[in-house]
Amino acid sequence: MKLSSNLRFYDLFLSISILIIFSPLIMLVFFICLLETGKPLFIQLRVGKNQNPFKLIKFRTMRINTPSLASHLVNKNSITKFGKLIRILKIDELPQLINVIRGEMSLVGPRPCLFNQEELIKERLKEDIFSAKPGITGLAQINEVDMSDPKKLSEFDKKMINTLNQKTYFKYLLFTFIGKGMGDRIKNK
């Protein structure tokens, strides 16, 4: 229980701090995404803790009519010009800090999947992954394991959940911040 309350404190403190520090960048990206697509935020229903639905918030990096699929299944031509840059820099993830503040996500945890990713949900149920809050980054992301391999991803998520402590929490955040791993990628379709 102590670890859980400590991690929640870190989630809140870091998320609020990042939003304040990077607010000029966030406003700039919001404005550019608004000019590029007309809708700067992308809000999508995702599977949360205990399989409860929540609305994930990101900066829009894909065209408006892109199908609601996992990133590895989306055509690379769906990504906007500015979207390519903010995906590489992982800036598109910044609005998820709102999900963290609202308690729907943690900074560190399994990436939240879509309800139509049935194979991944099945593998995650086997490993009891939905007992943890989804996160922005984690062990799988820094090791470049994405949702295209549901079994492997679930195994990495289980290992992360079982070994999560203050040290690994900050390790995953540091590795993400310095650019280790790429998370879910658009494949060359």
N, C-alpha and C. Protein backbone atom coordinates (compact mmCIF):
# COMPACT_ATOMS: atom_id res chain seq x y z
N MET A 1 0.83 -1.20 0.00
CA MET A 1 0.00 0.00 0.00
C MET A 1 0.87 1.26 0.00
N LYS A 2 1.98 1.23 0.75
CA LYS A 2 2.88 2.38 0.84
C LYS A 2 3.45 2.72 -0.55
N LEU A 3 3.91 1.68 -1.28
CA LEU A 3 4.46 1.90 -2.61
C LEU A 3 3.41 2.53 -3.52
N SER A 4 2.19 2.02 -3.47
CA SER A 4 1.10 2.53 -4.31
C SER A 4 0.84 4.02 -4.03
N SER A 5 0.80 4.41 -2.76
CA SER A 5 0.55 5.81 -2.43
C SER A 5 1.74 6.68 -2.81
N ASN A 6 2.96 6.15 -2.68
CA ASN A 6 4.14 6.90 -3.10
C ASN A 6 4.13 7.14 -4.61
N LEU A 7 3.80 6.09 -5.37
CA LEU A 7 3.77 6.22 -6.82
C LEU A 7 2.69 7.20 -7.26
N ARG A 8 1.56 7.19 -6.58
CA ARG A 8 0.49 8.15 -6.91
C ARG A 8 0.97 9.58 -6.65
N PHE A 9 1.69 9.78 -5.54
CA PHE A 9 2.25 11.10 -5.25
C PHE A 9 3.22 11.52 -6.35
N TYR A 10 4.11 10.60 -6.75
CA TYR A 10 5.07 10.92 -7.82
C TYR A 10 4.34 11.22 -9.12
N ASP A 11 3.32 10.41 -9.43
CA ASP A 11 2.52 10.64 -10.64
C ASP A 11 1.95 12.06 -10.65
N LEU A 12 1.32 12.45 -9.55
CA LEU A 12 0.71 13.78 -9.46
C LEU A 12 1.74 14.88 -9.52
N PHE A 13 2.77 14.77 -8.69
CA PHE A 13 3.80 15.81 -8.62
C PHE A 13 4.49 15.99 -9.97
N LEU A 14 4.92 14.89 -10.58
CA LEU A 14 5.63 14.99 -11.86
C LEU A 14 4.72 15.46 -12.99
N SER A 15 3.48 14.96 -13.03
CA SER A 15 2.56 15.35 -14.10
C SER A 15 2.24 16.84 -14.04
N ILE A 16 1.93 17.34 -12.86
CA ILE A 16 1.63 18.76 -12.71
C ILE A 16 2.86 19.60 -13.04
N SER A 17 4.03 19.18 -12.57
CA SER A 17 5.27 19.91 -12.85
C SER A 17 5.56 19.96 -14.34
N ILE A 18 5.43 18.82 -15.02
CA ILE A 18 5.70 18.77 -16.46
C ILE A 18 4.72 19.65 -17.22
N LEU A 19 3.44 19.60 -16.84
CA LEU A 19 2.45 20.45 -17.51
C LEU A 19 2.78 21.94 -17.34
N ILE A 20 3.22 22.31 -16.16
CA ILE A 20 3.58 23.72 -15.91
C ILE A 20 4.83 24.10 -16.69
N ILE A 21 5.88 23.29 -16.55
CA ILE A 21 7.17 23.61 -17.19
C ILE A 21 7.06 23.64 -18.71
N PHE A 22 6.31 22.69 -19.26
CA PHE A 22 6.21 22.59 -20.72
C PHE A 22 4.97 23.26 -21.28
N SER A 23 4.28 24.08 -20.49
CA SER A 23 3.05 24.71 -20.97
C SER A 23 3.26 25.54 -22.25
N PRO A 24 4.37 26.29 -22.41
CA PRO A 24 4.54 27.00 -23.68
C PRO A 24 4.63 26.04 -24.87
N LEU A 25 5.35 24.93 -24.71
CA LEU A 25 5.47 23.93 -25.77
C LEU A 25 4.11 23.29 -26.04
N ILE A 26 3.38 22.97 -24.99
CA ILE A 26 2.06 22.35 -25.13
C ILE A 26 1.11 23.28 -25.90
N MET A 27 1.14 24.57 -25.58
CA MET A 27 0.28 25.52 -26.30
C MET A 27 0.69 25.64 -27.76
N LEU A 28 2.00 25.64 -28.03
CA LEU A 28 2.49 25.71 -29.41
C LEU A 28 2.05 24.48 -30.20
N VAL A 29 2.24 23.29 -29.64
CA VAL A 29 1.85 22.06 -30.32
C VAL A 29 0.34 22.03 -30.53
N PHE A 30 -0.41 22.44 -29.53
CA PHE A 30 -1.87 22.51 -29.65
C PHE A 30 -2.26 23.38 -30.84
N PHE A 31 -1.64 24.55 -30.95
CA PHE A 31 -1.96 25.49 -32.02
C PHE A 31 -1.59 24.93 -33.39
N ILE A 32 -0.41 24.32 -33.51
CA ILE A 32 0.01 23.76 -34.79
C ILE A 32 -0.90 22.60 -35.19
N CYS A 33 -1.24 21.73 -34.23
CA CYS A 33 -2.17 20.62 -34.52
C CYS A 33 -3.54 21.15 -34.92
N LEU A 34 -3.96 22.25 -34.31
CA LEU A 34 -5.24 22.88 -34.66
C LEU A 34 -5.21 23.36 -36.10
N LEU A 35 -4.11 24.00 -36.50
CA LEU A 35 -3.98 24.49 -37.88
C LEU A 35 -3.91 23.34 -38.87
N GLU A 36 -3.24 22.25 -38.48
CA GLU A 36 -3.02 21.14 -39.41
C GLU A 36 -4.27 20.28 -39.60
N THR A 37 -5.04 20.04 -38.55
CA THR A 37 -6.16 19.10 -38.66
C THR A 37 -7.52 19.69 -38.28
N GLY A 38 -7.50 20.83 -37.60
CA GLY A 38 -8.75 21.42 -37.13
C GLY A 38 -9.20 20.86 -35.79
N LYS A 39 -8.64 19.73 -35.40
CA LYS A 39 -8.95 19.09 -34.11
C LYS A 39 -7.62 18.66 -33.48
N PRO A 40 -7.06 19.49 -32.60
CA PRO A 40 -5.72 19.23 -32.08
C PRO A 40 -5.60 18.06 -31.11
N LEU A 41 -6.71 17.69 -30.48
CA LEU A 41 -6.65 16.59 -29.53
C LEU A 41 -7.34 15.36 -30.10
N PHE A 42 -6.77 14.23 -29.77
CA PHE A 42 -7.29 12.94 -30.17
C PHE A 42 -7.74 12.25 -28.89
N ILE A 43 -9.02 11.94 -28.80
CA ILE A 43 -9.57 11.29 -27.61
C ILE A 43 -10.14 9.95 -28.04
N GLN A 44 -9.68 8.89 -27.37
CA GLN A 44 -10.04 7.54 -27.79
C GLN A 44 -10.35 6.69 -26.56
N LEU A 45 -11.39 5.88 -26.67
CA LEU A 45 -11.76 4.97 -25.58
C LEU A 45 -10.73 3.85 -25.48
N ARG A 46 -10.18 3.66 -24.29
CA ARG A 46 -9.17 2.63 -24.05
C ARG A 46 -9.56 1.77 -22.85
N VAL A 47 -8.88 0.63 -22.74
CA VAL A 47 -9.11 -0.30 -21.63
C VAL A 47 -8.22 0.11 -20.46
N GLY A 48 -8.85 0.39 -19.32
CA GLY A 48 -8.12 0.82 -18.15
C GLY A 48 -8.00 -0.27 -17.10
N LYS A 49 -7.68 0.14 -15.90
CA LYS A 49 -7.56 -0.79 -14.78
C LYS A 49 -8.88 -1.53 -14.58
N ASN A 50 -8.78 -2.82 -14.31
CA ASN A 50 -9.95 -3.69 -14.13
C ASN A 50 -10.86 -3.69 -15.35
N GLN A 51 -10.28 -3.41 -16.51
CA GLN A 51 -10.98 -3.37 -17.80
C GLN A 51 -12.04 -2.28 -17.87
N ASN A 52 -11.93 -1.28 -17.02
CA ASN A 52 -12.86 -0.14 -17.08
C ASN A 52 -12.46 0.78 -18.22
N PRO A 53 -13.41 1.26 -18.99
CA PRO A 53 -13.10 2.17 -20.09
C PRO A 53 -12.73 3.56 -19.58
N PHE A 54 -11.83 4.21 -20.29
CA PHE A 54 -11.53 5.62 -20.03
C PHE A 54 -11.15 6.27 -21.34
N LYS A 55 -11.22 7.59 -21.37
CA LYS A 55 -10.91 8.33 -22.59
C LYS A 55 -9.47 8.84 -22.54
N LEU A 56 -8.62 8.23 -23.36
CA LEU A 56 -7.21 8.60 -23.47
C LEU A 56 -7.10 9.88 -24.30
N ILE A 57 -6.26 10.80 -23.86
CA ILE A 57 -6.09 12.09 -24.54
C ILE A 57 -4.67 12.18 -25.10
N LYS A 58 -4.56 12.50 -26.38
CA LYS A 58 -3.25 12.69 -27.01
C LYS A 58 -3.37 13.87 -27.99
N PHE A 59 -2.21 14.38 -28.41
CA PHE A 59 -2.24 15.31 -29.53
C PHE A 59 -2.50 14.51 -30.79
N ARG A 60 -3.29 15.07 -31.68
CA ARG A 60 -3.62 14.39 -32.93
C ARG A 60 -2.39 14.37 -33.84
N THR A 61 -2.03 13.16 -34.25
CA THR A 61 -0.90 12.99 -35.16
C THR A 61 -1.34 12.35 -36.48
N MET A 62 -2.61 11.95 -36.55
CA MET A 62 -3.12 11.30 -37.75
C MET A 62 -4.31 12.09 -38.30
N ARG A 63 -4.56 11.86 -39.55
CA ARG A 63 -5.68 12.54 -40.20
C ARG A 63 -7.00 12.18 -39.51
N ILE A 64 -7.96 13.05 -39.64
CA ILE A 64 -9.24 12.92 -38.94
C ILE A 64 -9.95 11.59 -39.20
N ASN A 65 -9.97 11.11 -40.42
CA ASN A 65 -10.74 9.90 -40.75
C ASN A 65 -9.96 8.60 -40.62
N THR A 66 -8.84 8.61 -39.92
CA THR A 66 -8.04 7.40 -39.73
C THR A 66 -8.84 6.39 -38.89
N PRO A 67 -8.88 5.12 -39.31
CA PRO A 67 -9.61 4.11 -38.53
C PRO A 67 -9.05 3.98 -37.11
N SER A 68 -9.90 3.61 -36.18
CA SER A 68 -9.50 3.43 -34.78
C SER A 68 -8.87 2.05 -34.61
N LEU A 69 -7.58 1.99 -34.89
CA LEU A 69 -6.82 0.74 -34.81
C LEU A 69 -5.57 0.95 -33.97
N ALA A 70 -4.94 -0.15 -33.59
CA ALA A 70 -3.64 -0.06 -32.92
C ALA A 70 -2.64 0.56 -33.89
N SER A 71 -1.67 1.30 -33.36
CA SER A 71 -0.71 2.04 -34.19
C SER A 71 -0.02 1.16 -35.23
N HIS A 72 0.33 -0.06 -34.86
CA HIS A 72 1.06 -0.92 -35.79
C HIS A 72 0.20 -1.39 -36.97
N LEU A 73 -1.10 -1.16 -36.91
CA LEU A 73 -2.01 -1.55 -37.99
C LEU A 73 -2.42 -0.38 -38.88
N VAL A 74 -2.03 0.82 -38.51
CA VAL A 74 -2.43 2.02 -39.25
C VAL A 74 -1.46 2.28 -40.40
N ASN A 75 -2.00 2.72 -41.53
CA ASN A 75 -1.18 3.08 -42.68
C ASN A 75 -0.33 4.30 -42.35
N LYS A 76 0.96 4.23 -42.67
CA LYS A 76 1.87 5.34 -42.33
C LYS A 76 1.48 6.65 -43.03
N ASN A 77 0.74 6.56 -44.13
CA ASN A 77 0.30 7.78 -44.84
C ASN A 77 -0.79 8.52 -44.07
N SER A 78 -1.31 7.90 -43.00
CA SER A 78 -2.33 8.55 -42.17
C SER A 78 -1.73 9.61 -41.25
N ILE A 79 -0.42 9.56 -41.05
CA ILE A 79 0.23 10.50 -40.13
C ILE A 79 0.41 11.85 -40.83
N THR A 80 0.10 12.91 -40.11
CA THR A 80 0.27 14.26 -40.65
C THR A 80 1.76 14.63 -40.65
N LYS A 81 2.10 15.68 -41.37
CA LYS A 81 3.51 16.12 -41.43
C LYS A 81 4.04 16.47 -40.06
N PHE A 82 3.31 17.30 -39.33
CA PHE A 82 3.74 17.68 -37.99
C PHE A 82 3.62 16.50 -37.04
N GLY A 83 2.65 15.64 -37.28
CA GLY A 83 2.46 14.45 -36.45
C GLY A 83 3.68 13.55 -36.43
N LYS A 84 4.36 13.43 -37.57
CA LYS A 84 5.59 12.61 -37.62
C LYS A 84 6.61 13.13 -36.63
N LEU A 85 6.79 14.43 -36.59
CA LEU A 85 7.78 15.03 -35.70
C LEU A 85 7.40 14.85 -34.23
N ILE A 86 6.15 15.14 -33.89
CA ILE A 86 5.81 15.06 -32.47
C ILE A 86 5.73 13.61 -31.98
N ARG A 87 5.51 12.65 -32.89
CA ARG A 87 5.57 11.24 -32.49
C ARG A 87 7.01 10.84 -32.21
N ILE A 88 7.94 11.26 -33.04
CA ILE A 88 9.35 10.94 -32.82
C ILE A 88 9.83 11.51 -31.49
N LEU A 89 9.41 12.74 -31.19
CA LEU A 89 9.82 13.40 -29.95
C LEU A 89 8.95 13.01 -28.75
N LYS A 90 7.92 12.19 -29.00
CA LYS A 90 6.98 11.71 -27.98
C LYS A 90 6.17 12.83 -27.33
N ILE A 91 6.08 13.95 -28.01
CA ILE A 91 5.32 15.09 -27.50
C ILE A 91 3.82 14.82 -27.58
N ASP A 92 3.41 13.94 -28.49
CA ASP A 92 1.99 13.62 -28.62
C ASP A 92 1.41 13.00 -27.36
N GLU A 93 2.29 12.49 -26.49
CA GLU A 93 1.85 11.84 -25.25
C GLU A 93 1.55 12.83 -24.12
N LEU A 94 2.01 14.07 -24.23
CA LEU A 94 1.88 15.02 -23.12
C LEU A 94 0.45 15.20 -22.59
N PRO A 95 -0.58 15.25 -23.42
CA PRO A 95 -1.93 15.39 -22.87
C PRO A 95 -2.37 14.22 -21.97
N GLN A 96 -1.69 13.07 -22.08
CA GLN A 96 -2.02 11.95 -21.21
C GLN A 96 -1.71 12.26 -19.74
N LEU A 97 -0.94 13.31 -19.51
CA LEU A 97 -0.69 13.74 -18.13
C LEU A 97 -2.00 14.11 -17.44
N ILE A 98 -2.97 14.56 -18.22
CA ILE A 98 -4.31 14.84 -17.68
C ILE A 98 -4.95 13.53 -17.21
N ASN A 99 -4.79 12.45 -18.01
CA ASN A 99 -5.29 11.14 -17.58
C ASN A 99 -4.61 10.68 -16.29
N VAL A 100 -3.34 10.99 -16.14
CA VAL A 100 -2.60 10.62 -14.94
C VAL A 100 -3.14 11.41 -13.74
N ILE A 101 -3.32 12.71 -13.92
CA ILE A 101 -3.84 13.54 -12.83
C ILE A 101 -5.23 13.08 -12.42
N ARG A 102 -6.05 12.69 -13.39
CA ARG A 102 -7.41 12.22 -13.09
C ARG A 102 -7.42 10.83 -12.46
N GLY A 103 -6.26 10.16 -12.40
CA GLY A 103 -6.17 8.85 -11.77
C GLY A 103 -6.52 7.69 -12.69
N GLU A 104 -6.70 7.94 -13.98
CA GLU A 104 -7.03 6.89 -14.93
C GLU A 104 -5.79 6.14 -15.40
N MET A 105 -4.64 6.81 -15.30
CA MET A 105 -3.38 6.24 -15.73
C MET A 105 -2.30 6.56 -14.71
N SER A 106 -1.16 5.92 -14.88
CA SER A 106 0.04 6.23 -14.12
C SER A 106 1.10 6.64 -15.15
N LEU A 107 2.16 7.27 -14.69
CA LEU A 107 3.24 7.55 -15.62
C LEU A 107 3.87 6.24 -16.09
N VAL A 108 3.95 5.26 -15.19
CA VAL A 108 4.54 3.96 -15.50
C VAL A 108 3.49 2.88 -15.36
N GLY A 109 3.32 2.09 -16.41
CA GLY A 109 2.36 0.99 -16.39
C GLY A 109 2.21 0.44 -17.79
N PRO A 110 1.42 -0.61 -17.96
CA PRO A 110 1.20 -1.17 -19.29
C PRO A 110 0.46 -0.17 -20.18
N ARG A 111 0.86 -0.04 -21.42
CA ARG A 111 0.17 0.87 -22.33
C ARG A 111 -1.28 0.42 -22.49
N PRO A 112 -2.23 1.36 -22.42
CA PRO A 112 -3.63 0.98 -22.54
C PRO A 112 -3.99 0.58 -23.97
N CYS A 113 -4.67 -0.54 -24.09
CA CYS A 113 -5.04 -1.02 -25.42
C CYS A 113 -6.46 -0.58 -25.77
N LEU A 114 -6.81 -0.85 -27.00
CA LEU A 114 -8.16 -0.59 -27.50
C LEU A 114 -9.04 -1.80 -27.19
N PHE A 115 -10.34 -1.58 -27.10
CA PHE A 115 -11.26 -2.68 -26.84
C PHE A 115 -11.33 -3.66 -28.00
N ASN A 116 -10.93 -3.25 -29.21
CA ASN A 116 -10.96 -4.16 -30.36
C ASN A 116 -9.68 -4.99 -30.50
N GLN A 117 -8.73 -4.83 -29.58
CA GLN A 117 -7.51 -5.64 -29.61
C GLN A 117 -7.74 -6.91 -28.80
N GLU A 118 -8.59 -7.77 -29.33
CA GLU A 118 -9.05 -8.95 -28.61
C GLU A 118 -7.92 -9.90 -28.22
N GLU A 119 -6.97 -10.11 -29.11
CA GLU A 119 -5.86 -11.03 -28.81
C GLU A 119 -5.01 -10.49 -27.66
N LEU A 120 -4.75 -9.20 -27.67
CA LEU A 120 -3.96 -8.59 -26.60
C LEU A 120 -4.73 -8.65 -25.27
N ILE A 121 -6.01 -8.37 -25.31
CA ILE A 121 -6.83 -8.44 -24.10
C ILE A 121 -6.81 -9.86 -23.53
N LYS A 122 -6.92 -10.86 -24.40
CA LYS A 122 -6.88 -12.26 -23.96
C LYS A 122 -5.55 -12.58 -23.27
N GLU A 123 -4.44 -12.15 -23.87
CA GLU A 123 -3.12 -12.40 -23.27
C GLU A 123 -2.96 -11.64 -21.96
N ARG A 124 -3.46 -10.43 -21.92
CA ARG A 124 -3.35 -9.64 -20.69
C ARG A 124 -4.22 -10.21 -19.57
N LEU A 125 -5.35 -10.78 -19.91
CA LEU A 125 -6.18 -11.43 -18.90
C LEU A 125 -5.45 -12.62 -18.28
N LYS A 126 -4.75 -13.40 -19.12
CA LYS A 126 -3.98 -14.55 -18.62
C LYS A 126 -2.94 -14.11 -17.60
N GLU A 127 -2.35 -12.95 -17.82
CA GLU A 127 -1.26 -12.45 -16.96
C GLU A 127 -1.74 -11.49 -15.88
N ASP A 128 -3.04 -11.25 -15.79
CA ASP A 128 -3.64 -10.34 -14.81
C ASP A 128 -3.09 -8.91 -14.93
N ILE A 129 -2.87 -8.46 -16.14
CA ILE A 129 -2.32 -7.13 -16.40
C ILE A 129 -3.32 -6.03 -16.04
N PHE A 130 -4.60 -6.31 -16.17
CA PHE A 130 -5.61 -5.28 -15.91
C PHE A 130 -5.78 -4.96 -14.42
N SER A 131 -5.02 -5.63 -13.58
CA SER A 131 -5.05 -5.30 -12.15
C SER A 131 -4.23 -4.03 -11.88
N ALA A 132 -3.46 -3.61 -12.86
CA ALA A 132 -2.62 -2.40 -12.72
C ALA A 132 -3.20 -1.27 -13.56
N LYS A 133 -2.91 -0.04 -13.14
CA LYS A 133 -3.29 1.11 -13.96
C LYS A 133 -2.44 1.12 -15.22
N PRO A 134 -3.03 1.48 -16.35
CA PRO A 134 -2.23 1.64 -17.55
C PRO A 134 -1.29 2.83 -17.39
N GLY A 135 -0.24 2.85 -18.18
CA GLY A 135 0.74 3.92 -18.06
C GLY A 135 1.16 4.51 -19.38
N ILE A 136 1.92 5.58 -19.28
CA ILE A 136 2.46 6.24 -20.46
C ILE A 136 3.70 5.51 -20.96
N THR A 137 4.48 4.98 -20.03
CA THR A 137 5.69 4.23 -20.41
C THR A 137 5.89 3.08 -19.45
N GLY A 138 6.82 2.22 -19.82
CA GLY A 138 7.13 1.07 -18.97
C GLY A 138 8.22 0.22 -19.57
N LEU A 139 8.38 -0.96 -19.01
CA LEU A 139 9.43 -1.89 -19.43
C LEU A 139 9.34 -2.24 -20.91
N ALA A 140 8.16 -2.53 -21.40
CA ALA A 140 8.00 -2.90 -22.81
C ALA A 140 8.41 -1.74 -23.73
N GLN A 141 7.99 -0.54 -23.39
CA GLN A 141 8.27 0.61 -24.24
C GLN A 141 9.77 0.89 -24.35
N ILE A 142 10.49 0.80 -23.25
CA ILE A 142 11.93 1.11 -23.32
C ILE A 142 12.72 -0.02 -23.98
N ASN A 143 12.07 -1.18 -24.15
CA ASN A 143 12.69 -2.32 -24.83
C ASN A 143 12.13 -2.53 -26.24
N GLU A 144 11.37 -1.55 -26.73
CA GLU A 144 10.81 -1.55 -28.07
C GLU A 144 9.90 -2.75 -28.35
N VAL A 145 9.16 -3.18 -27.33
CA VAL A 145 8.16 -4.23 -27.50
C VAL A 145 6.82 -3.51 -27.63
N ASP A 146 6.16 -3.73 -28.75
CA ASP A 146 4.90 -3.03 -28.96
C ASP A 146 3.72 -3.99 -29.03
N MET A 147 2.56 -3.47 -29.35
CA MET A 147 1.32 -4.25 -29.33
C MET A 147 1.19 -5.21 -30.50
N SER A 148 2.16 -5.24 -31.40
CA SER A 148 2.08 -6.17 -32.53
C SER A 148 2.39 -7.60 -32.09
N ASP A 149 2.95 -7.78 -30.90
CA ASP A 149 3.23 -9.11 -30.35
C ASP A 149 2.56 -9.21 -28.98
N PRO A 150 1.25 -9.50 -28.94
CA PRO A 150 0.48 -9.49 -27.69
C PRO A 150 1.06 -10.37 -26.58
N LYS A 151 1.54 -11.56 -26.92
CA LYS A 151 2.07 -12.47 -25.90
C LYS A 151 3.33 -11.90 -25.27
N LYS A 152 4.24 -11.45 -26.10
CA LYS A 152 5.51 -10.88 -25.61
C LYS A 152 5.25 -9.62 -24.79
N LEU A 153 4.35 -8.77 -25.29
CA LEU A 153 4.01 -7.54 -24.58
C LEU A 153 3.43 -7.86 -23.20
N SER A 154 2.53 -8.82 -23.15
CA SER A 154 1.91 -9.20 -21.87
C SER A 154 2.95 -9.74 -20.89
N GLU A 155 3.91 -10.49 -21.40
CA GLU A 155 4.98 -11.02 -20.54
C GLU A 155 5.83 -9.89 -19.99
N PHE A 156 6.18 -8.91 -20.82
CA PHE A 156 6.95 -7.76 -20.36
C PHE A 156 6.14 -6.95 -19.34
N ASP A 157 4.84 -6.77 -19.61
CA ASP A 157 3.98 -6.03 -18.69
C ASP A 157 3.92 -6.73 -17.34
N LYS A 158 3.79 -8.07 -17.35
CA LYS A 158 3.72 -8.83 -16.10
C LYS A 158 5.02 -8.68 -15.31
N LYS A 159 6.14 -8.78 -16.01
CA LYS A 159 7.44 -8.63 -15.34
C LYS A 159 7.55 -7.24 -14.71
N MET A 160 7.11 -6.22 -15.44
CA MET A 160 7.17 -4.85 -14.93
C MET A 160 6.29 -4.71 -13.68
N ILE A 161 5.07 -5.21 -13.75
CA ILE A 161 4.15 -5.09 -12.61
C ILE A 161 4.72 -5.80 -11.38
N ASN A 162 5.29 -6.99 -11.59
CA ASN A 162 5.81 -7.77 -10.47
C ASN A 162 7.07 -7.17 -9.84
N THR A 163 7.80 -6.36 -10.60
CA THR A 163 9.07 -5.82 -10.08
C THR A 163 9.02 -4.31 -9.87
N LEU A 164 7.83 -3.71 -10.02
CA LEU A 164 7.73 -2.25 -9.91
C LEU A 164 7.99 -1.79 -8.48
N ASN A 165 8.94 -0.89 -8.36
CA ASN A 165 9.25 -0.24 -7.09
C ASN A 165 9.71 1.17 -7.42
N GLN A 166 10.09 1.94 -6.43
CA GLN A 166 10.49 3.33 -6.70
C GLN A 166 11.67 3.40 -7.66
N LYS A 167 12.63 2.51 -7.50
CA LYS A 167 13.82 2.53 -8.36
C LYS A 167 13.45 2.25 -9.82
N THR A 168 12.65 1.19 -10.06
CA THR A 168 12.30 0.87 -11.45
C THR A 168 11.36 1.92 -12.04
N TYR A 169 10.48 2.48 -11.22
CA TYR A 169 9.58 3.56 -11.67
C TYR A 169 10.40 4.70 -12.27
N PHE A 170 11.38 5.17 -11.51
CA PHE A 170 12.19 6.29 -11.99
C PHE A 170 13.13 5.87 -13.12
N LYS A 171 13.56 4.63 -13.13
CA LYS A 171 14.41 4.12 -14.22
C LYS A 171 13.64 4.16 -15.54
N TYR A 172 12.39 3.67 -15.53
CA TYR A 172 11.59 3.68 -16.76
C TYR A 172 11.34 5.11 -17.24
N LEU A 173 11.07 6.01 -16.30
CA LEU A 173 10.85 7.41 -16.67
C LEU A 173 12.11 8.03 -17.25
N LEU A 174 13.25 7.78 -16.63
CA LEU A 174 14.53 8.34 -17.12
C LEU A 174 14.84 7.80 -18.50
N PHE A 175 14.73 6.50 -18.68
CA PHE A 175 15.03 5.91 -19.99
C PHE A 175 14.10 6.45 -21.07
N THR A 176 12.84 6.67 -20.72
CA THR A 176 11.89 7.24 -21.68
C THR A 176 12.30 8.68 -22.01
N PHE A 177 12.65 9.44 -20.99
CA PHE A 177 13.01 10.85 -21.18
C PHE A 177 14.24 11.00 -22.07
N ILE A 178 15.22 10.10 -21.93
CA ILE A 178 16.44 10.21 -22.74
C ILE A 178 16.29 9.56 -24.11
N GLY A 179 15.09 9.01 -24.38
CA GLY A 179 14.79 8.52 -25.72
C GLY A 179 15.00 7.04 -25.95
N LYS A 180 15.15 6.24 -24.91
CA LYS A 180 15.33 4.80 -25.10
C LYS A 180 13.98 4.19 -25.48
N GLY A 181 13.99 3.36 -26.50
CA GLY A 181 12.77 2.69 -26.95
C GLY A 181 11.91 3.59 -27.81
N MET A 182 11.00 2.98 -28.51
CA MET A 182 10.13 3.74 -29.39
C MET A 182 8.65 3.48 -29.15
N GLY A 183 8.32 2.55 -28.27
CA GLY A 183 6.91 2.28 -28.01
C GLY A 183 6.19 1.75 -29.23
N ASP A 184 4.92 2.03 -29.37
CA ASP A 184 4.14 1.56 -30.50
C ASP A 184 4.47 2.40 -31.73
N ARG A 185 4.79 1.69 -32.81
CA ARG A 185 5.21 2.36 -34.03
C ARG A 185 4.25 2.05 -35.17
N ILE A 186 4.19 2.98 -36.09
CA ILE A 186 3.45 2.75 -37.33
C ILE A 186 4.36 1.90 -38.22
N LYS A 187 3.86 0.80 -38.70
CA LYS A 187 4.64 -0.07 -39.59
C LYS A 187 4.54 0.49 -41.00
N ASN A 188 5.41 0.04 -41.86
CA ASN A 188 5.43 0.50 -43.25
C ASN A 188 4.33 -0.18 -44.06
N LYS A 189 3.14 0.36 -43.98
CA LYS A 189 2.01 -0.18 -44.74
C LYS A 189 1.71 0.73 -45.90
